[in-house]
Amino acid sequence: RTFYDKVKDSISDLLKPLVPEAAIK
């Protein structure tokens, strides 16, 4: 659950170099 929460909390930073900001969620 700690791993899962870390991924969820980091998702914006992880995806920002890859997809448009509006599509991140």
PDB file of all heavy atoms in Angstrom:
ATOM      1  N   ARG A   1       0.830  -1.205   0.000  1.00  0.00           N
ATOM      2  CA  ARG A   1       0.000   0.000   0.000  1.00  0.00           C
ATOM      3  C   ARG A   1       0.868   1.260   0.000  1.00  0.00           C
ATOM      4  O   ARG A   1       0.512   2.271  -0.602  1.00  0.00           O
ATOM      5  CB  ARG A   1      -0.936  -0.012   1.211  1.00  0.00           C
ATOM      6  CG  ARG A   1      -1.954  -1.153   1.140  1.00  0.00           C
ATOM      7  CD  ARG A   1      -2.877  -1.176   2.340  1.00  0.00           C
ATOM      8  NE  ARG A   1      -3.787  -2.324   2.238  1.00  0.00           N
ATOM      9  CZ  ARG A   1      -4.067  -3.157   3.230  1.00  0.00           C
ATOM     10  NH1 ARG A   1      -3.525  -2.953   4.423  1.00  0.00           N
ATOM     11  NH2 ARG A   1      -4.887  -4.168   3.053  1.00  0.00           N
ATOM     12  N   THR A   2       2.012   1.188   0.666  1.00  0.00           N
ATOM     13  CA  THR A   2       2.949   2.315   0.651  1.00  0.00           C
ATOM     14  C   THR A   2       3.487   2.523  -0.755  1.00  0.00           C
ATOM     15  O   THR A   2       3.594   3.667  -1.230  1.00  0.00           O
ATOM     16  CB  THR A   2       4.112   2.057   1.627  1.00  0.00           C
ATOM     17  OG1 THR A   2       3.581   1.772   2.926  1.00  0.00           O
ATOM     18  CG2 THR A   2       5.036   3.265   1.701  1.00  0.00           C
ATOM     19  N   PHE A   3       3.834   1.419  -1.429  1.00  0.00           N
ATOM     20  CA  PHE A   3       4.282   1.512  -2.823  1.00  0.00           C
ATOM     21  C   PHE A   3       3.187   2.116  -3.696  1.00  0.00           C
ATOM     22  O   PHE A   3       3.447   3.038  -4.484  1.00  0.00           O
ATOM     23  CB  PHE A   3       4.662   0.127  -3.346  1.00  0.00           C
ATOM     24  CG  PHE A   3       4.854   0.075  -4.847  1.00  0.00           C
ATOM     25  CD1 PHE A   3       6.063   0.452  -5.415  1.00  0.00           C
ATOM     26  CD2 PHE A   3       3.810  -0.327  -5.679  1.00  0.00           C
ATOM     27  CE1 PHE A   3       6.230   0.429  -6.799  1.00  0.00           C
ATOM     28  CE2 PHE A   3       3.974  -0.348  -7.056  1.00  0.00           C
ATOM     29  CZ  PHE A   3       5.190   0.037  -7.616  1.00  0.00           C
ATOM     30  N   TYR A   4       1.973   1.620  -3.560  1.00  0.00           N
ATOM     31  CA  TYR A   4       0.852   2.088  -4.377  1.00  0.00           C
ATOM     32  C   TYR A   4       0.633   3.591  -4.170  1.00  0.00           C
ATOM     33  O   TYR A   4       0.464   4.339  -5.132  1.00  0.00           O
ATOM     34  CB  TYR A   4      -0.403   1.302  -4.011  1.00  0.00           C
ATOM     35  CG  TYR A   4      -1.607   1.615  -4.874  1.00  0.00           C
ATOM     36  CD1 TYR A   4      -1.940   0.816  -5.956  1.00  0.00           C
ATOM     37  CD2 TYR A   4      -2.417   2.718  -4.601  1.00  0.00           C
ATOM     38  CE1 TYR A   4      -3.051   1.103  -6.753  1.00  0.00           C
ATOM     39  CE2 TYR A   4      -3.515   3.026  -5.382  1.00  0.00           C
ATOM     40  CZ  TYR A   4      -3.826   2.204  -6.455  1.00  0.00           C
ATOM     41  OH  TYR A   4      -4.917   2.505  -7.243  1.00  0.00           O
ATOM     42  N   ASP A   5       0.658   4.009  -2.913  1.00  0.00           N
ATOM     43  CA  ASP A   5       0.437   5.424  -2.609  1.00  0.00           C
ATOM     44  C   ASP A   5       1.559   6.302  -3.173  1.00  0.00           C
ATOM     45  O   ASP A   5       1.303   7.428  -3.634  1.00  0.00           O
ATOM     46  CB  ASP A   5       0.334   5.634  -1.094  1.00  0.00           C
ATOM     47  CG  ASP A   5      -0.937   5.023  -0.512  1.00  0.00           C
ATOM     48  OD1 ASP A   5      -1.868   4.755  -1.285  1.00  0.00           O
ATOM     49  OD2 ASP A   5      -0.978   4.807   0.717  1.00  0.00           O
ATOM     50  N   LYS A   6       2.786   5.785  -3.138  1.00  0.00           N
ATOM     51  CA  LYS A   6       3.916   6.551  -3.692  1.00  0.00           C
ATOM     52  C   LYS A   6       3.751   6.726  -5.203  1.00  0.00           C
ATOM     53  O   LYS A   6       4.016   7.812  -5.746  1.00  0.00           O
ATOM     54  CB  LYS A   6       5.243   5.853  -3.372  1.00  0.00           C
ATOM     55  CG  LYS A   6       6.469   6.668  -3.787  1.00  0.00           C
ATOM     56  CD  LYS A   6       7.740   6.036  -3.271  1.00  0.00           C
ATOM     57  CE  LYS A   6       8.980   6.821  -3.700  1.00  0.00           C
ATOM     58  NZ  LYS A   6       9.018   8.172  -3.161  1.00  0.00           N
ATOM     59  N   VAL A   7       3.311   5.677  -5.892  1.00  0.00           N
ATOM     60  CA  VAL A   7       3.072   5.774  -7.328  1.00  0.00           C
ATOM     61  C   VAL A   7       1.980   6.811  -7.605  1.00  0.00           C
ATOM     62  O   VAL A   7       2.136   7.681  -8.466  1.00  0.00           O
ATOM     63  CB  VAL A   7       2.668   4.413  -7.931  1.00  0.00           C
ATOM     64  CG1 VAL A   7       2.275   4.561  -9.406  1.00  0.00           C
ATOM     65  CG2 VAL A   7       3.807   3.409  -7.787  1.00  0.00           C
ATOM     66  N   LYS A   8       0.885   6.725  -6.847  1.00  0.00           N
ATOM     67  CA  LYS A   8      -0.239   7.634  -7.055  1.00  0.00           C
ATOM     68  C   LYS A   8       0.170   9.084  -6.801  1.00  0.00           C
ATOM     69  O   LYS A   8      -0.192   9.998  -7.561  1.00  0.00           O
ATOM     70  CB  LYS A   8      -1.400   7.244  -6.143  1.00  0.00           C
ATOM     71  CG  LYS A   8      -2.718   7.916  -6.495  1.00  0.00           C
ATOM     72  CD  LYS A   8      -3.874   7.300  -5.718  1.00  0.00           C
ATOM     73  CE  LYS A   8      -5.201   7.919  -6.145  1.00  0.00           C
ATOM     74  NZ  LYS A   8      -6.342   7.314  -5.409  1.00  0.00           N
ATOM     75  N   ASP A   9       0.959   9.305  -5.749  1.00  0.00           N
ATOM     76  CA  ASP A   9       1.396  10.659  -5.408  1.00  0.00           C
ATOM     77  C   ASP A   9       2.401  11.208  -6.425  1.00  0.00           C
ATOM     78  O   ASP A   9       2.531  12.425  -6.577  1.00  0.00           O
ATOM     79  CB  ASP A   9       2.026  10.687  -4.017  1.00  0.00           C
ATOM     80  CG  ASP A   9       1.014  10.418  -2.909  1.00  0.00           C
ATOM     81  OD1 ASP A   9      -0.198  10.535  -3.176  1.00  0.00           O
ATOM     82  OD2 ASP A   9       1.438  10.064  -1.791  1.00  0.00           O
ATOM     83  N   SER A  10       3.114  10.304  -7.101  1.00  0.00           N
ATOM     84  CA  SER A  10       4.173  10.716  -8.033  1.00  0.00           C
ATOM     85  C   SER A  10       3.698  10.736  -9.482  1.00  0.00           C
ATOM     86  O   SER A  10       4.494  11.062 -10.374  1.00  0.00           O
ATOM     87  CB  SER A  10       5.369   9.758  -7.919  1.00  0.00           C
ATOM     88  OG  SER A  10       5.822   9.642  -6.596  1.00  0.00           O
ATOM     89  N   ILE A  11       2.435  10.383  -9.730  1.00  0.00           N
ATOM     90  CA  ILE A  11       1.989  10.133 -11.100  1.00  0.00           C
ATOM     91  C   ILE A  11       2.160  11.350 -12.007  1.00  0.00           C
ATOM     92  O   ILE A  11       2.527  11.226 -13.175  1.00  0.00           O
ATOM     93  CB  ILE A  11       0.524   9.622 -11.111  1.00  0.00           C
ATOM     94  CG1 ILE A  11       0.271   8.810 -12.383  1.00  0.00           C
ATOM     95  CG2 ILE A  11      -0.473  10.739 -10.954  1.00  0.00           C
ATOM     96  CD1 ILE A  11       0.942   7.476 -12.405  1.00  0.00           C
ATOM     97  N   SER A  12       1.926  12.538 -11.464  1.00  0.00           N
ATOM     98  CA  SER A  12       2.061  13.748 -12.271  1.00  0.00           C
ATOM     99  C   SER A  12       3.505  13.951 -12.710  1.00  0.00           C
ATOM    100  O   SER A  12       3.780  14.230 -13.882  1.00  0.00           O
ATOM    101  CB  SER A  12       1.559  14.967 -11.489  1.00  0.00           C
ATOM    102  OG  SER A  12       1.654  16.129 -12.277  1.00  0.00           O
ATOM    103  N   ASP A  13       4.438  13.790 -11.782  1.00  0.00           N
ATOM    104  CA  ASP A  13       5.857  13.951 -12.108  1.00  0.00           C
ATOM    105  C   ASP A  13       6.329  12.872 -13.071  1.00  0.00           C
ATOM    106  O   ASP A  13       7.153  13.134 -13.957  1.00  0.00           O
ATOM    107  CB  ASP A  13       6.703  13.907 -10.832  1.00  0.00           C
ATOM    108  CG  ASP A  13       6.483  15.125  -9.944  1.00  0.00           C
ATOM    109  OD1 ASP A  13       6.078  16.173 -10.486  1.00  0.00           O
ATOM    110  OD2 ASP A  13       6.702  15.023  -8.732  1.00  0.00           O
ATOM    111  N   LEU A  14       5.806  11.659 -12.895  1.00  0.00           N
ATOM    112  CA  LEU A  14       6.211  10.552 -13.767  1.00  0.00           C
ATOM    113  C   LEU A  14       5.765  10.773 -15.212  1.00  0.00           C
ATOM    114  O   LEU A  14       6.513  10.492 -16.153  1.00  0.00           O
ATOM    115  CB  LEU A  14       5.629   9.233 -13.246  1.00  0.00           C
ATOM    116  CG  LEU A  14       6.204   8.673 -11.942  1.00  0.00           C
ATOM    117  CD1 LEU A  14       5.343   7.524 -11.441  1.00  0.00           C
ATOM    118  CD2 LEU A  14       7.646   8.206 -12.152  1.00  0.00           C
ATOM    119  N   LEU A  15       4.545  11.275 -15.386  1.00  0.00           N
ATOM    120  CA  LEU A  15       3.956  11.363 -16.720  1.00  0.00           C
ATOM    121  C   LEU A  15       4.168  12.700 -17.415  1.00  0.00           C
ATOM    122  O   LEU A  15       3.965  12.811 -18.630  1.00  0.00           O
ATOM    123  CB  LEU A  15       2.456  11.055 -16.643  1.00  0.00           C
ATOM    124  CG  LEU A  15       2.075   9.630 -16.231  1.00  0.00           C
ATOM    125  CD1 LEU A  15       0.567   9.468 -16.239  1.00  0.00           C
ATOM    126  CD2 LEU A  15       2.731   8.599 -17.146  1.00  0.00           C
ATOM    127  N   LYS A  16       4.577  13.713 -16.666  1.00  0.00           N
ATOM    128  CA  LYS A  16       4.703  15.062 -17.251  1.00  0.00           C
ATOM    129  C   LYS A  16       5.626  15.093 -18.473  1.00  0.00           C
ATOM    130  O   LYS A  16       5.334  15.796 -19.449  1.00  0.00           O
ATOM    131  CB  LYS A  16       5.177  16.042 -16.182  1.00  0.00           C
ATOM    132  CG  LYS A  16       4.950  17.506 -16.542  1.00  0.00           C
ATOM    133  CD  LYS A  16       5.250  18.414 -15.344  1.00  0.00           C
ATOM    134  CE  LYS A  16       4.224  18.240 -14.244  1.00  0.00           C
ATOM    135  NZ  LYS A  16       4.448  19.165 -13.096  1.00  0.00           N
ATOM    136  N   PRO A  17       6.747  14.342 -18.479  1.00  0.00           N
ATOM    137  CA  PRO A  17       7.612  14.378 -19.664  1.00  0.00           C
ATOM    138  C   PRO A  17       7.033  13.631 -20.868  1.00  0.00           C
ATOM    139  O   PRO A  17       7.607  13.676 -21.952  1.00  0.00           O
ATOM    140  CB  PRO A  17       8.899  13.676 -19.185  1.00  0.00           C
ATOM    141  CG  PRO A  17       8.807  13.622 -17.698  1.00  0.00           C
ATOM    142  CD  PRO A  17       7.346  13.554 -17.386  1.00  0.00           C
ATOM    143  N   LEU A  18       5.899  12.948 -20.659  1.00  0.00           N
ATOM    144  CA  LEU A  18       5.400  12.024 -21.676  1.00  0.00           C
ATOM    145  C   LEU A  18       4.080  12.438 -22.313  1.00  0.00           C
ATOM    146  O   LEU A  18       3.892  12.293 -23.525  1.00  0.00           O
ATOM    147  CB  LEU A  18       5.241  10.635 -21.039  1.00  0.00           C
ATOM    148  CG  LEU A  18       5.209   9.406 -21.952  1.00  0.00           C
ATOM    149  CD1 LEU A  18       6.525   9.271 -22.712  1.00  0.00           C
ATOM    150  CD2 LEU A  18       4.952   8.154 -21.128  1.00  0.00           C
ATOM    151  N   VAL A  19       3.156  12.965 -21.509  1.00  0.00           N
ATOM    152  CA  VAL A  19       1.814  13.253 -22.018  1.00  0.00           C
ATOM    153  C   VAL A  19       1.407  14.689 -21.699  1.00  0.00           C
ATOM    154  O   VAL A  19       1.962  15.315 -20.779  1.00  0.00           O
ATOM    155  CB  VAL A  19       0.771  12.275 -21.420  1.00  0.00           C
ATOM    156  CG1 VAL A  19       1.120  10.837 -21.722  1.00  0.00           C
ATOM    157  CG2 VAL A  19       0.634  12.473 -19.916  1.00  0.00           C
ATOM    158  N   PRO A  20       0.433  15.243 -22.434  1.00  0.00           N
ATOM    159  CA  PRO A  20      -0.065  16.592 -22.116  1.00  0.00           C
ATOM    160  C   PRO A  20      -0.573  16.651 -20.679  1.00  0.00           C
ATOM    161  O   PRO A  20      -1.168  15.687 -20.184  1.00  0.00           O
ATOM    162  CB  PRO A  20      -1.211  16.780 -23.116  1.00  0.00           C
ATOM    163  CG  PRO A  20      -0.945  15.819 -24.213  1.00  0.00           C
ATOM    164  CD  PRO A  20      -0.255  14.649 -23.591  1.00  0.00           C
ATOM    165  N   GLU A  21      -0.337  17.758 -20.025  1.00  0.00           N
ATOM    166  CA  GLU A  21      -0.712  17.883 -18.611  1.00  0.00           C
ATOM    167  C   GLU A  21      -2.206  17.628 -18.400  1.00  0.00           C
ATOM    168  O   GLU A  21      -2.609  17.026 -17.405  1.00  0.00           O
ATOM    169  CB  GLU A  21      -0.331  19.262 -18.090  1.00  0.00           C
ATOM    170  CG  GLU A  21      -0.528  19.402 -16.593  1.00  0.00           C
ATOM    171  CD  GLU A  21       0.107  20.661 -16.020  1.00  0.00           C
ATOM    172  OE1 GLU A  21       0.781  21.376 -16.770  1.00  0.00           O
ATOM    173  OE2 GLU A  21      -0.076  20.913 -14.820  1.00  0.00           O
ATOM    174  N   ALA A  22      -3.023  18.055 -19.357  1.00  0.00           N
ATOM    175  CA  ALA A  22      -4.475  17.888 -19.214  1.00  0.00           C
ATOM    176  C   ALA A  22      -4.883  16.424 -19.229  1.00  0.00           C
ATOM    177  O   ALA A  22      -5.950  16.055 -18.729  1.00  0.00           O
ATOM    178  CB  ALA A  22      -5.195  18.635 -20.343  1.00  0.00           C
ATOM    179  N   ALA A  23      -4.030  15.560 -19.797  1.00  0.00           N
ATOM    180  CA  ALA A  23      -4.369  14.135 -19.923  1.00  0.00           C
ATOM    181  C   ALA A  23      -3.815  13.288 -18.787  1.00  0.00           C
ATOM    182  O   ALA A  23      -4.109  12.087 -18.710  1.00  0.00           O
ATOM    183  CB  ALA A  23      -3.851  13.594 -21.258  1.00  0.00           C
ATOM    184  N   ILE A  24      -3.032  13.886 -17.897  1.00  0.00           N
ATOM    185  CA  ILE A  24      -2.326  13.099 -16.878  1.00  0.00           C
ATOM    186  C   ILE A  24      -3.282  12.333 -15.969  1.00  0.00           C
ATOM    187  O   ILE A  24      -3.070  11.149 -15.674  1.00  0.00           O
ATOM    188  CB  ILE A  24      -1.381  14.003 -16.055  1.00  0.00           C
ATOM    189  CG1 ILE A  24      -0.155  14.369 -16.902  1.00  0.00           C
ATOM    190  CG2 ILE A  24      -0.953  13.304 -14.760  1.00  0.00           C
ATOM    191  CD1 ILE A  24       0.818  15.304 -16.206  1.00  0.00           C
ATOM    192  N   LYS A  25      -4.356  12.971 -15.513  1.00  0.00           N
ATOM    193  CA  LYS A  25      -5.275  12.276 -14.590  1.00  0.00           C
ATOM    194  C   LYS A  25      -5.939  11.083 -15.269  1.00  0.00           C
ATOM    195  O   LYS A  25      -6.094  10.017 -14.656  1.00  0.00           O
ATOM    196  CB  LYS A  25      -6.326  13.249 -14.063  1.00  0.00           C
ATOM    197  CG  LYS A  25      -5.796  14.212 -13.023  1.00  0.00           C
ATOM    198  CD  LYS A  25      -6.909  15.036 -12.386  1.00  0.00           C
ATOM    199  CE  LYS A  25      -6.359  15.939 -11.297  1.00  0.00           C
ATOM    200  NZ  LYS A  25      -7.426  16.754 -10.655  1.00  0.00           N
TER     201      LYS A  25
END
